[in-house]
Amino acid sequence: MEHATPQTGTSTQPIVAPIAGGMAGASVGLGFFSCCVFWWFPFSPILSSVGLLLGLISLYRGAKGPRGENFALGGTLLCATSLSLTITLNFVLRYLQWDSLL
């Protein structure tokens, strides 16, 4: 009876460290939540700015998910979209409603 040969490879090793994966996941979560509450002006831009910062740090570090997913890029795009949407709508609607800009 022959023994099975052990598989060589790193299929069970995680691709990213838990902190880097958590930062990328936090970027996605913060971006999604800031999109959901985009009308809360001082709160939503803060959430999306922090998520954008975490996503950019994760992109710089090259963080990938366990199967190669690029959560950092998705979170960065989601936060950038939410931040631009919030800032644009807030200032455009204030201008159209003849309110003060600040």
PDB file of N, CA and C in Angstrom:
ATOM      1  N   MET A   1       0.837  -1.167   0.000  1.00  0.00           N
ATOM      2  CA  MET A   1       0.000   0.000   0.000  1.00  0.00           C
ATOM      3  C   MET A   1       0.886   1.235   0.000  1.00  0.00           C
ATOM      4  N   GLU A   2       0.599   2.122  -0.921  1.00  0.00           N
ATOM      5  CA  GLU A   2       1.402   3.331  -1.017  1.00  0.00           C
ATOM      6  C   GLU A   2       0.731   4.464  -0.250  1.00  0.00           C
ATOM      7  N   HIS A   3       1.565   5.277   0.326  1.00  0.00           N
ATOM      8  CA  HIS A   3       1.058   6.452   1.045  1.00  0.00           C
ATOM      9  C   HIS A   3       0.843   7.586   0.057  1.00  0.00           C
ATOM     10  N   ALA A   4      -0.142   8.403   0.352  1.00  0.00           N
ATOM     11  CA  ALA A   4      -0.401   9.566  -0.494  1.00  0.00           C
ATOM     12  C   ALA A   4       0.732  10.573  -0.319  1.00  0.00           C
ATOM     13  N   THR A   5       1.138  11.128  -1.430  1.00  0.00           N
ATOM     14  CA  THR A   5       2.213  12.123  -1.348  1.00  0.00           C
ATOM     15  C   THR A   5       1.653  13.433  -0.807  1.00  0.00           C
ATOM     16  N   PRO A   6       2.379  14.063   0.082  1.00  0.00           N
ATOM     17  CA  PRO A   6       1.879  15.340   0.619  1.00  0.00           C
ATOM     18  C   PRO A   6       1.905  16.414  -0.459  1.00  0.00           C
ATOM     19  N   GLN A   7       0.879  17.240  -0.439  1.00  0.00           N
ATOM     20  CA  GLN A   7       0.805  18.315  -1.424  1.00  0.00           C
ATOM     21  C   GLN A   7       1.734  19.444  -1.004  1.00  0.00           C
ATOM     22  N   THR A   8       2.477  19.916  -1.950  1.00  0.00           N
ATOM     23  CA  THR A   8       3.332  21.066  -1.680  1.00  0.00           C
ATOM     24  C   THR A   8       2.654  22.307  -2.229  1.00  0.00           C
ATOM     25  N   GLY A   9       2.630  23.326  -1.456  1.00  0.00           N
ATOM     26  CA  GLY A   9       1.980  24.559  -1.882  1.00  0.00           C
ATOM     27  C   GLY A   9       1.474  25.316  -0.664  1.00  0.00           C
ATOM     28  N   THR A  10       1.035  26.486  -0.908  1.00  0.00           N
ATOM     29  CA  THR A  10       0.538  27.327   0.187  1.00  0.00           C
ATOM     30  C   THR A  10      -0.944  27.587   0.027  1.00  0.00           C
ATOM     31  N   SER A  11      -1.701  26.552  -0.291  1.00  0.00           N
ATOM     32  CA  SER A  11      -3.135  26.753  -0.496  1.00  0.00           C
ATOM     33  C   SER A  11      -3.863  27.058   0.807  1.00  0.00           C
ATOM     34  N   THR A  12      -3.303  26.661   1.953  1.00  0.00           N
ATOM     35  CA  THR A  12      -3.969  26.932   3.219  1.00  0.00           C
ATOM     36  C   THR A  12      -3.454  28.197   3.887  1.00  0.00           C
ATOM     37  N   GLN A  13      -2.430  28.810   3.340  1.00  0.00           N
ATOM     38  CA  GLN A  13      -1.890  30.031   3.923  1.00  0.00           C
ATOM     39  C   GLN A  13      -2.728  31.231   3.490  1.00  0.00           C
ATOM     40  N   PRO A  14      -3.030  32.135   4.404  1.00  0.00           N
ATOM     41  CA  PRO A  14      -3.771  33.333   3.997  1.00  0.00           C
ATOM     42  C   PRO A  14      -2.902  34.233   3.123  1.00  0.00           C
ATOM     43  N   ILE A  15      -3.541  34.918   2.194  1.00  0.00           N
ATOM     44  CA  ILE A  15      -2.805  35.787   1.285  1.00  0.00           C
ATOM     45  C   ILE A  15      -2.470  37.111   1.965  1.00  0.00           C
ATOM     46  N   VAL A  16      -3.353  37.603   2.790  1.00  0.00           N
ATOM     47  CA  VAL A  16      -3.122  38.887   3.452  1.00  0.00           C
ATOM     48  C   VAL A  16      -3.113  38.695   4.957  1.00  0.00           C
ATOM     49  N   ALA A  17      -2.526  39.653   5.618  1.00  0.00           N
ATOM     50  CA  ALA A  17      -2.566  39.676   7.075  1.00  0.00           C
ATOM     51  C   ALA A  17      -3.965  40.115   7.515  1.00  0.00           C
ATOM     52  N   PRO A  18      -4.379  39.726   8.700  1.00  0.00           N
ATOM     53  CA  PRO A  18      -5.721  40.103   9.155  1.00  0.00           C
ATOM     54  C   PRO A  18      -5.938  41.615   9.255  1.00  0.00           C
ATOM     55  N   ILE A  19      -4.912  42.353   9.620  1.00  0.00           N
ATOM     56  CA  ILE A  19      -5.064  43.801   9.746  1.00  0.00           C
ATOM     57  C   ILE A  19      -5.286  44.436   8.376  1.00  0.00           C
ATOM     58  N   ALA A  20      -4.516  44.016   7.387  1.00  0.00           N
ATOM     59  CA  ALA A  20      -4.667  44.586   6.043  1.00  0.00           C
ATOM     60  C   ALA A  20      -6.026  44.223   5.445  1.00  0.00           C
ATOM     61  N   GLY A  21      -6.463  42.998   5.648  1.00  0.00           N
ATOM     62  CA  GLY A  21      -7.790  42.603   5.170  1.00  0.00           C
ATOM     63  C   GLY A  21      -8.901  43.341   5.889  1.00  0.00           C
ATOM     64  N   GLY A  22      -8.705  43.597   7.179  1.00  0.00           N
ATOM     65  CA  GLY A  22      -9.690  44.350   7.945  1.00  0.00           C
ATOM     66  C   GLY A  22      -9.782  45.796   7.515  1.00  0.00           C
ATOM     67  N   MET A  23      -8.642  46.380   7.157  1.00  0.00           N
ATOM     68  CA  MET A  23      -8.659  47.765   6.680  1.00  0.00           C
ATOM     69  C   MET A  23      -9.392  47.865   5.345  1.00  0.00           C
ATOM     70  N   ALA A  24      -9.167  46.893   4.467  1.00  0.00           N
ATOM     71  CA  ALA A  24      -9.867  46.898   3.179  1.00  0.00           C
ATOM     72  C   ALA A  24     -11.365  46.656   3.376  1.00  0.00           C
ATOM     73  N   GLY A  25     -11.708  45.757   4.269  1.00  0.00           N
ATOM     74  CA  GLY A  25     -13.118  45.496   4.557  1.00  0.00           C
ATOM     75  C   GLY A  25     -13.790  46.681   5.225  1.00  0.00           C
ATOM     76  N   ALA A  26     -13.059  47.375   6.090  1.00  0.00           N
ATOM     77  CA  ALA A  26     -13.615  48.572   6.727  1.00  0.00           C
ATOM     78  C   ALA A  26     -13.856  49.667   5.697  1.00  0.00           C
ATOM     79  N   SER A  27     -12.994  49.742   4.697  1.00  0.00           N
ATOM     80  CA  SER A  27     -13.191  50.731   3.635  1.00  0.00           C
ATOM     81  C   SER A  27     -14.493  50.458   2.883  1.00  0.00           C
ATOM     82  N   VAL A  28     -14.770  49.205   2.595  1.00  0.00           N
ATOM     83  CA  VAL A  28     -16.020  48.852   1.913  1.00  0.00           C
ATOM     84  C   VAL A  28     -17.218  49.157   2.812  1.00  0.00           C
ATOM     85  N   GLY A  29     -17.129  48.782   4.065  1.00  0.00           N
ATOM     86  CA  GLY A  29     -18.234  49.012   4.995  1.00  0.00           C
ATOM     87  C   GLY A  29     -18.521  50.485   5.231  1.00  0.00           C
ATOM     88  N   LEU A  30     -17.473  51.267   5.420  1.00  0.00           N
ATOM     89  CA  LEU A  30     -17.667  52.698   5.623  1.00  0.00           C
ATOM     90  C   LEU A  30     -18.210  53.372   4.373  1.00  0.00           C
ATOM     91  N   GLY A  31     -17.739  52.944   3.215  1.00  0.00           N
ATOM     92  CA  GLY A  31     -18.246  53.512   1.968  1.00  0.00           C
ATOM     93  C   GLY A  31     -19.710  53.186   1.748  1.00  0.00           C
ATOM     94  N   PHE A  32     -20.093  51.948   2.044  1.00  0.00           N
ATOM     95  CA  PHE A  32     -21.495  51.560   1.871  1.00  0.00           C
ATOM     96  C   PHE A  32     -22.392  52.315   2.843  1.00  0.00           C
ATOM     97  N   PHE A  33     -21.982  52.405   4.096  1.00  0.00           N
ATOM     98  CA  PHE A  33     -22.820  53.085   5.079  1.00  0.00           C
ATOM     99  C   PHE A  33     -22.896  54.577   4.797  1.00  0.00           C
ATOM    100  N   SER A  34     -21.795  55.176   4.339  1.00  0.00           N
ATOM    101  CA  SER A  34     -21.861  56.603   4.025  1.00  0.00           C
ATOM    102  C   SER A  34     -22.727  56.866   2.796  1.00  0.00           C
ATOM    103  N   CYS A  35     -22.836  55.885   1.890  1.00  0.00           N
ATOM    104  CA  CYS A  35     -23.782  56.032   0.776  1.00  0.00           C
ATOM    105  C   CYS A  35     -25.226  55.939   1.269  1.00  0.00           C
ATOM    106  N   CYS A  36     -25.445  55.121   2.272  1.00  0.00           N
ATOM    107  CA  CYS A  36     -26.810  54.961   2.793  1.00  0.00           C
ATOM    108  C   CYS A  36     -27.293  56.197   3.544  1.00  0.00           C
ATOM    109  N   VAL A  37     -26.380  56.942   4.172  1.00  0.00           N
ATOM    110  CA  VAL A  37     -26.767  58.110   4.961  1.00  0.00           C
ATOM    111  C   VAL A  37     -26.130  59.371   4.383  1.00  0.00           C
ATOM    112  N   PHE A  38     -26.174  59.523   3.064  1.00  0.00           N
ATOM    113  CA  PHE A  38     -25.473  60.637   2.421  1.00  0.00           C
ATOM    114  C   PHE A  38     -26.067  61.990   2.768  1.00  0.00           C
ATOM    115  N   TRP A  39     -27.273  62.065   3.256  1.00  0.00           N
ATOM    116  CA  TRP A  39     -27.891  63.353   3.570  1.00  0.00           C
ATOM    117  C   TRP A  39     -27.457  63.880   4.932  1.00  0.00           C
ATOM    118  N   TRP A  40     -26.810  63.068   5.763  1.00  0.00           N
ATOM    119  CA  TRP A  40     -26.268  63.554   7.036  1.00  0.00           C
ATOM    120  C   TRP A  40     -24.939  64.213   6.728  1.00  0.00           C
ATOM    121  N   PHE A  41     -24.967  65.521   6.469  1.00  0.00           N
ATOM    122  CA  PHE A  41     -23.790  66.155   5.879  1.00  0.00           C
ATOM    123  C   PHE A  41     -22.514  66.060   6.706  1.00  0.00           C
ATOM    124  N   PRO A  42     -22.480  66.415   7.944  1.00  0.00           N
ATOM    125  CA  PRO A  42     -21.155  66.345   8.575  1.00  0.00           C
ATOM    126  C   PRO A  42     -20.704  64.918   8.863  1.00  0.00           C
ATOM    127  N   PHE A  43     -21.629  63.981   8.945  1.00  0.00           N
ATOM    128  CA  PHE A  43     -21.279  62.613   9.314  1.00  0.00           C
ATOM    129  C   PHE A  43     -20.850  61.772   8.115  1.00  0.00           C
ATOM    130  N   SER A  44     -21.574  61.845   7.035  1.00  0.00           N
ATOM    131  CA  SER A  44     -21.279  61.027   5.865  1.00  0.00           C
ATOM    132  C   SER A  44     -19.933  61.349   5.224  1.00  0.00           C
ATOM    133  N   PRO A  45     -19.547  62.612   5.050  1.00  0.00           N
ATOM    134  CA  PRO A  45     -18.215  62.872   4.497  1.00  0.00           C
ATOM    135  C   PRO A  45     -17.083  62.410   5.407  1.00  0.00           C
ATOM    136  N   ILE A  46     -17.308  62.443   6.708  1.00  0.00           N
ATOM    137  CA  ILE A  46     -16.277  61.937   7.622  1.00  0.00           C
ATOM    138  C   ILE A  46     -16.114  60.443   7.444  1.00  0.00           C
ATOM    139  N   LEU A  47     -17.229  59.717   7.370  1.00  0.00           N
ATOM    140  CA  LEU A  47     -17.157  58.267   7.158  1.00  0.00           C
ATOM    141  C   LEU A  47     -16.471  57.928   5.842  1.00  0.00           C
ATOM    142  N   SER A  48     -16.864  58.609   4.785  1.00  0.00           N
ATOM    143  CA  SER A  48     -16.283  58.282   3.490  1.00  0.00           C
ATOM    144  C   SER A  48     -14.823  58.725   3.400  1.00  0.00           C
ATOM    145  N   SER A  49     -14.440  59.780   4.094  1.00  0.00           N
ATOM    146  CA  SER A  49     -13.031  60.196   4.092  1.00  0.00           C
ATOM    147  C   SER A  49     -12.154  59.195   4.827  1.00  0.00           C
ATOM    148  N   VAL A  50     -12.629  58.702   5.953  1.00  0.00           N
ATOM    149  CA  VAL A  50     -11.871  57.683   6.688  1.00  0.00           C
ATOM    150  C   VAL A  50     -11.793  56.396   5.867  1.00  0.00           C
ATOM    151  N   GLY A  51     -12.902  56.015   5.247  1.00  0.00           N
ATOM    152  CA  GLY A  51     -12.894  54.825   4.399  1.00  0.00           C
ATOM    153  C   GLY A  51     -11.987  54.989   3.197  1.00  0.00           C
ATOM    154  N   LEU A  52     -11.960  56.179   2.622  1.00  0.00           N
ATOM    155  CA  LEU A  52     -11.069  56.451   1.494  1.00  0.00           C
ATOM    156  C   LEU A  52      -9.612  56.356   1.922  1.00  0.00           C
ATOM    157  N   LEU A  53      -9.299  56.882   3.081  1.00  0.00           N
ATOM    158  CA  LEU A  53      -7.934  56.800   3.596  1.00  0.00           C
ATOM    159  C   LEU A  53      -7.525  55.353   3.851  1.00  0.00           C
ATOM    160  N   LEU A  54      -8.406  54.587   4.480  1.00  0.00           N
ATOM    161  CA  LEU A  54      -8.097  53.172   4.733  1.00  0.00           C
ATOM    162  C   LEU A  54      -7.962  52.387   3.434  1.00  0.00           C
ATOM    163  N   GLY A  55      -8.812  52.683   2.463  1.00  0.00           N
ATOM    164  CA  GLY A  55      -8.720  52.005   1.178  1.00  0.00           C
ATOM    165  C   GLY A  55      -7.446  52.339   0.436  1.00  0.00           C
ATOM    166  N   LEU A  56      -7.032  53.603   0.480  1.00  0.00           N
ATOM    167  CA  LEU A  56      -5.787  53.989  -0.186  1.00  0.00           C
ATOM    168  C   LEU A  56      -4.572  53.360   0.484  1.00  0.00           C
ATOM    169  N   ILE A  57      -4.592  53.272   1.805  1.00  0.00           N
ATOM    170  CA  ILE A  57      -3.499  52.595   2.512  1.00  0.00           C
ATOM    171  C   ILE A  57      -3.466  51.120   2.132  1.00  0.00           C
ATOM    172  N   SER A  58      -4.642  50.488   2.057  1.00  0.00           N
ATOM    173  CA  SER A  58      -4.696  49.070   1.680  1.00  0.00           C
ATOM    174  C   SER A  58      -4.255  48.857   0.236  1.00  0.00           C
ATOM    175  N   LEU A  59      -4.615  49.792  -0.649  1.00  0.00           N
ATOM    176  CA  LEU A  59      -4.148  49.695  -2.038  1.00  0.00           C
ATOM    177  C   LEU A  59      -2.635  49.826  -2.116  1.00  0.00           C
ATOM    178  N   TYR A  60      -2.083  50.753  -1.340  1.00  0.00           N
ATOM    179  CA  TYR A  60      -0.638  50.945  -1.335  1.00  0.00           C
ATOM    180  C   TYR A  60       0.078  49.698  -0.830  1.00  0.00           C
ATOM    181  N   ARG A  61      -0.505  49.054   0.178  1.00  0.00           N
ATOM    182  CA  ARG A  61       0.109  47.839   0.733  1.00  0.00           C
ATOM    183  C   ARG A  61      -0.155  46.610  -0.113  1.00  0.00           C
ATOM    184  N   GLY A  62      -1.050  46.709  -1.084  1.00  0.00           N
ATOM    185  CA  GLY A  62      -1.330  45.580  -1.970  1.00  0.00           C
ATOM    186  C   GLY A  62      -2.165  44.488  -1.332  1.00  0.00           C
ATOM    187  N   ALA A  63      -3.104  44.864  -0.505  1.00  0.00           N
ATOM    188  CA  ALA A  63      -3.942  43.891   0.192  1.00  0.00           C
ATOM    189  C   ALA A  63      -4.932  43.258  -0.775  1.00  0.00           C
ATOM    190  N   LYS A  64      -5.009  41.952  -0.730  1.00  0.00           N
ATOM    191  CA  LYS A  64      -5.970  41.183  -1.536  1.00  0.00           C
ATOM    192  C   LYS A  64      -6.735  40.254  -0.601  1.00  0.00           C
ATOM    193  N   GLY A  65      -7.889  39.829  -1.051  1.00  0.00           N
ATOM    194  CA  GLY A  65      -8.685  38.886  -0.281  1.00  0.00           C
ATOM    195  C   GLY A  65      -8.116  37.479  -0.374  1.00  0.00           C
ATOM    196  N   PRO A  66      -8.709  36.522   0.313  1.00  0.00           N
ATOM    197  CA  PRO A  66      -8.173  35.157   0.306  1.00  0.00           C
ATOM    198  C   PRO A  66      -8.202  34.494  -1.068  1.00  0.00           C
ATOM    199  N   ARG A  67      -9.088  34.917  -1.935  1.00  0.00           N
ATOM    200  CA  ARG A  67      -9.129  34.350  -3.290  1.00  0.00           C
ATOM    201  C   ARG A  67      -8.675  35.360  -4.332  1.00  0.00           C
ATOM    202  N   GLY A  68      -7.992  36.402  -3.893  1.00  0.00           N
ATOM    203  CA  GLY A  68      -7.476  37.405  -4.805  1.00  0.00           C
ATOM    204  C   GLY A  68      -8.398  38.573  -5.056  1.00  0.00           C
ATOM    205  N   GLU A  69      -9.477  38.713  -4.261  1.00  0.00           N
ATOM    206  CA  GLU A  69     -10.402  39.825  -4.453  1.00  0.00           C
ATOM    207  C   GLU A  69      -9.719  41.127  -4.054  1.00  0.00           C
ATOM    208  N   ASN A  70     -10.035  42.163  -4.766  1.00  0.00           N
ATOM    209  CA  ASN A  70      -9.446  43.469  -4.465  1.00  0.00           C
ATOM    210  C   ASN A  70     -10.471  44.321  -3.730  1.00  0.00           C
ATOM    211  N   PHE A  71     -10.658  44.027  -2.444  1.00  0.00           N
ATOM    212  CA  PHE A  71     -11.606  44.768  -1.626  1.00  0.00           C
ATOM    213  C   PHE A  71     -11.161  46.216  -1.439  1.00  0.00           C
ATOM    214  N   ALA A  72      -9.865  46.438  -1.420  1.00  0.00           N
ATOM    215  CA  ALA A  72      -9.357  47.793  -1.210  1.00  0.00           C
ATOM    216  C   ALA A  72      -9.759  48.708  -2.361  1.00  0.00           C
ATOM    217  N   LEU A  73      -9.685  48.209  -3.584  1.00  0.00           N
ATOM    218  CA  LEU A  73     -10.078  49.023  -4.733  1.00  0.00           C
ATOM    219  C   LEU A  73     -11.579  49.294  -4.716  1.00  0.00           C
ATOM    220  N   GLY A  74     -12.369  48.291  -4.403  1.00  0.00           N
ATOM    221  CA  GLY A  74     -13.817  48.477  -4.319  1.00  0.00           C
ATOM    222  C   GLY A  74     -14.205  49.465  -3.237  1.00  0.00           C
ATOM    223  N   GLY A  75     -13.574  49.364  -2.068  1.00  0.00           N
ATOM    224  CA  GLY A  75     -13.862  50.298  -0.989  1.00  0.00           C
ATOM    225  C   GLY A  75     -13.426  51.711  -1.306  1.00  0.00           C
ATOM    226  N   THR A  76     -12.279  51.838  -1.977  1.00  0.00           N
ATOM    227  CA  THR A  76     -11.804  53.164  -2.359  1.00  0.00           C
ATOM    228  C   THR A  76     -12.742  53.810  -3.361  1.00  0.00           C
ATOM    229  N   LEU A  77     -13.184  53.049  -4.348  1.00  0.00           N
ATOM    230  CA  LEU A  77     -14.122  53.590  -5.334  1.00  0.00           C
ATOM    231  C   LEU A  77     -15.468  53.940  -4.709  1.00  0.00           C
ATOM    232  N   LEU A  78     -15.929  53.091  -3.809  1.00  0.00           N
ATOM    233  CA  LEU A  78     -17.211  53.347  -3.144  1.00  0.00           C
ATOM    234  C   LEU A  78     -17.133  54.597  -2.267  1.00  0.00           C
ATOM    235  N   CYS A  79     -16.042  54.749  -1.531  1.00  0.00           N
ATOM    236  CA  CYS A  79     -15.884  55.933  -0.676  1.00  0.00           C
ATOM    237  C   CYS A  79     -15.698  57.199  -1.501  1.00  0.00           C
ATOM    238  N   ALA A  80     -14.945  57.116  -2.594  1.00  0.00           N
ATOM    239  CA  ALA A  80     -14.760  58.300  -3.445  1.00  0.00           C
ATOM    240  C   ALA A  80     -16.083  58.712  -4.079  1.00  0.00           C
ATOM    241  N   THR A  81     -16.884  57.737  -4.491  1.00  0.00           N
ATOM    242  CA  THR A  81     -18.199  58.045  -5.067  1.00  0.00           C
ATOM    243  C   THR A  81     -19.107  58.676  -4.025  1.00  0.00           C
ATOM    244  N   SER A  82     -19.126  58.114  -2.837  1.00  0.00           N
ATOM    245  CA  SER A  82     -19.976  58.654  -1.774  1.00  0.00           C
ATOM    246  C   SER A  82     -19.537  60.053  -1.374  1.00  0.00           C
ATOM    247  N   LEU A  83     -18.230  60.275  -1.281  1.00  0.00           N
ATOM    248  CA  LEU A  83     -17.740  61.593  -0.897  1.00  0.00           C
ATOM    249  C   LEU A  83     -18.069  62.637  -1.956  1.00  0.00           C
ATOM    250  N   SER A  84     -17.870  62.294  -3.211  1.00  0.00           N
ATOM    251  CA  SER A  84     -18.185  63.261  -4.266  1.00  0.00           C
ATOM    252  C   SER A  84     -19.693  63.501  -4.365  1.00  0.00           C
ATOM    253  N   LEU A  85     -20.497  62.465  -4.174  1.00  0.00           N
ATOM    254  CA  LEU A  85     -21.952  62.622  -4.192  1.00  0.00           C
ATOM    255  C   LEU A  85     -22.418  63.519  -3.044  1.00  0.00           C
ATOM    256  N   THR A  86     -21.907  63.290  -1.865  1.00  0.00           N
ATOM    257  CA  THR A  86     -22.328  64.064  -0.696  1.00  0.00           C
ATOM    258  C   THR A  86     -21.923  65.527  -0.822  1.00  0.00           C
ATOM    259  N   ILE A  87     -20.687  65.764  -1.189  1.00  0.00           N
ATOM    260  CA  ILE A  87     -20.214  67.140  -1.305  1.00  0.00           C
ATOM    261  C   ILE A  87     -20.947  67.870  -2.428  1.00  0.00           C
ATOM    262  N   THR A  88     -21.083  67.204  -3.568  1.00  0.00           N
ATOM    263  CA  THR A  88     -21.747  67.842  -4.704  1.00  0.00           C
ATOM    264  C   THR A  88     -23.210  68.146  -4.410  1.00  0.00           C
ATOM    265  N   LEU A  89     -23.935  67.182  -3.912  1.00  0.00           N
ATOM    266  CA  LEU A  89     -25.358  67.422  -3.630  1.00  0.00           C
ATOM    267  C   LEU A  89     -25.562  68.467  -2.552  1.00  0.00           C
ATOM    268  N   ASN A  90     -24.720  68.440  -1.542  1.00  0.00           N
ATOM    269  CA  ASN A  90     -24.898  69.396  -0.456  1.00  0.00           C
ATOM    270  C   ASN A  90     -24.672  70.819  -0.945  1.00  0.00           C
ATOM    271  N   PHE A  91     -23.578  71.054  -1.659  1.00  0.00           N
ATOM    272  CA  PHE A  91     -23.301  72.419  -2.088  1.00  0.00           C
ATOM    273  C   PHE A  91     -24.179  72.848  -3.250  1.00  0.00           C
ATOM    274  N   VAL A  92     -24.529  71.942  -4.143  1.00  0.00           N
ATOM    275  CA  VAL A  92     -25.411  72.315  -5.258  1.00  0.00           C
ATOM    276  C   VAL A  92     -26.808  72.607  -4.746  1.00  0.00           C
ATOM    277  N   LEU A  93     -27.319  71.774  -3.867  1.00  0.00           N
ATOM    278  CA  LEU A  93     -28.655  72.031  -3.338  1.00  0.00           C
ATOM    279  C   LEU A  93     -28.699  73.290  -2.486  1.00  0.00           C
ATOM    280  N   ARG A  94     -27.644  73.580  -1.763  1.00  0.00           N
ATOM    281  CA  ARG A  94     -27.612  74.837  -1.003  1.00  0.00           C
ATOM    282  C   ARG A  94     -27.601  76.028  -1.945  1.00  0.00           C
ATOM    283  N   TYR A  95     -26.863  75.907  -3.052  1.00  0.00           N
ATOM    284  CA  TYR A  95     -26.808  77.010  -4.007  1.00  0.00           C
ATOM    285  C   TYR A  95     -28.157  77.195  -4.699  1.00  0.00           C
ATOM    286  N   LEU A  96     -28.809  76.106  -5.048  1.00  0.00           N
ATOM    287  CA  LEU A  96     -30.093  76.209  -5.727  1.00  0.00           C
ATOM    288  C   LEU A  96     -31.204  76.692  -4.815  1.00  0.00           C
ATOM    289  N   GLN A  97     -31.054  76.470  -3.521  1.00  0.00           N
ATOM    290  CA  GLN A  97     -32.070  76.907  -2.571  1.00  0.00           C
ATOM    291  C   GLN A  97     -31.759  78.277  -1.990  1.00  0.00           C
ATOM    292  N   TRP A  98     -30.786  78.975  -2.491  1.00  0.00           N
ATOM    293  CA  TRP A  98     -30.382  80.308  -2.063  1.00  0.00           C
ATOM    294  C   TRP A  98     -30.023  80.332  -0.591  1.00  0.00           C
ATOM    295  N   ASP A  99     -29.334  79.322  -0.154  1.00  0.00           N
ATOM    296  CA  ASP A  99     -28.872  79.255   1.218  1.00  0.00           C
ATOM    297  C   ASP A  99     -27.399  79.669   1.227  1.00  0.00           C
ATOM    298  N   SER A 100     -26.845  79.871   2.391  1.00  0.00           N
ATOM    299  CA  SER A 100     -25.429  80.229   2.457  1.00  0.00           C
ATOM    300  C   SER A 100     -24.566  79.010   2.099  1.00  0.00           C
ATOM    301  N   LEU A 101     -23.373  79.260   1.567  1.00  0.00           N
ATOM    302  CA  LEU A 101     -22.512  78.163   1.134  1.00  0.00           C
ATOM    303  C   LEU A 101     -21.775  77.522   2.296  1.00  0.00           C
ATOM    304  N   LEU A 102     -21.676  78.174   3.407  1.00  0.00           N
ATOM    305  CA  LEU A 102     -20.969  77.554   4.540  1.00  0.00           C
ATOM    306  C   LEU A 102     -21.838  77.479   5.732  1.00  0.00           C
TER     307      LEU A 102
END
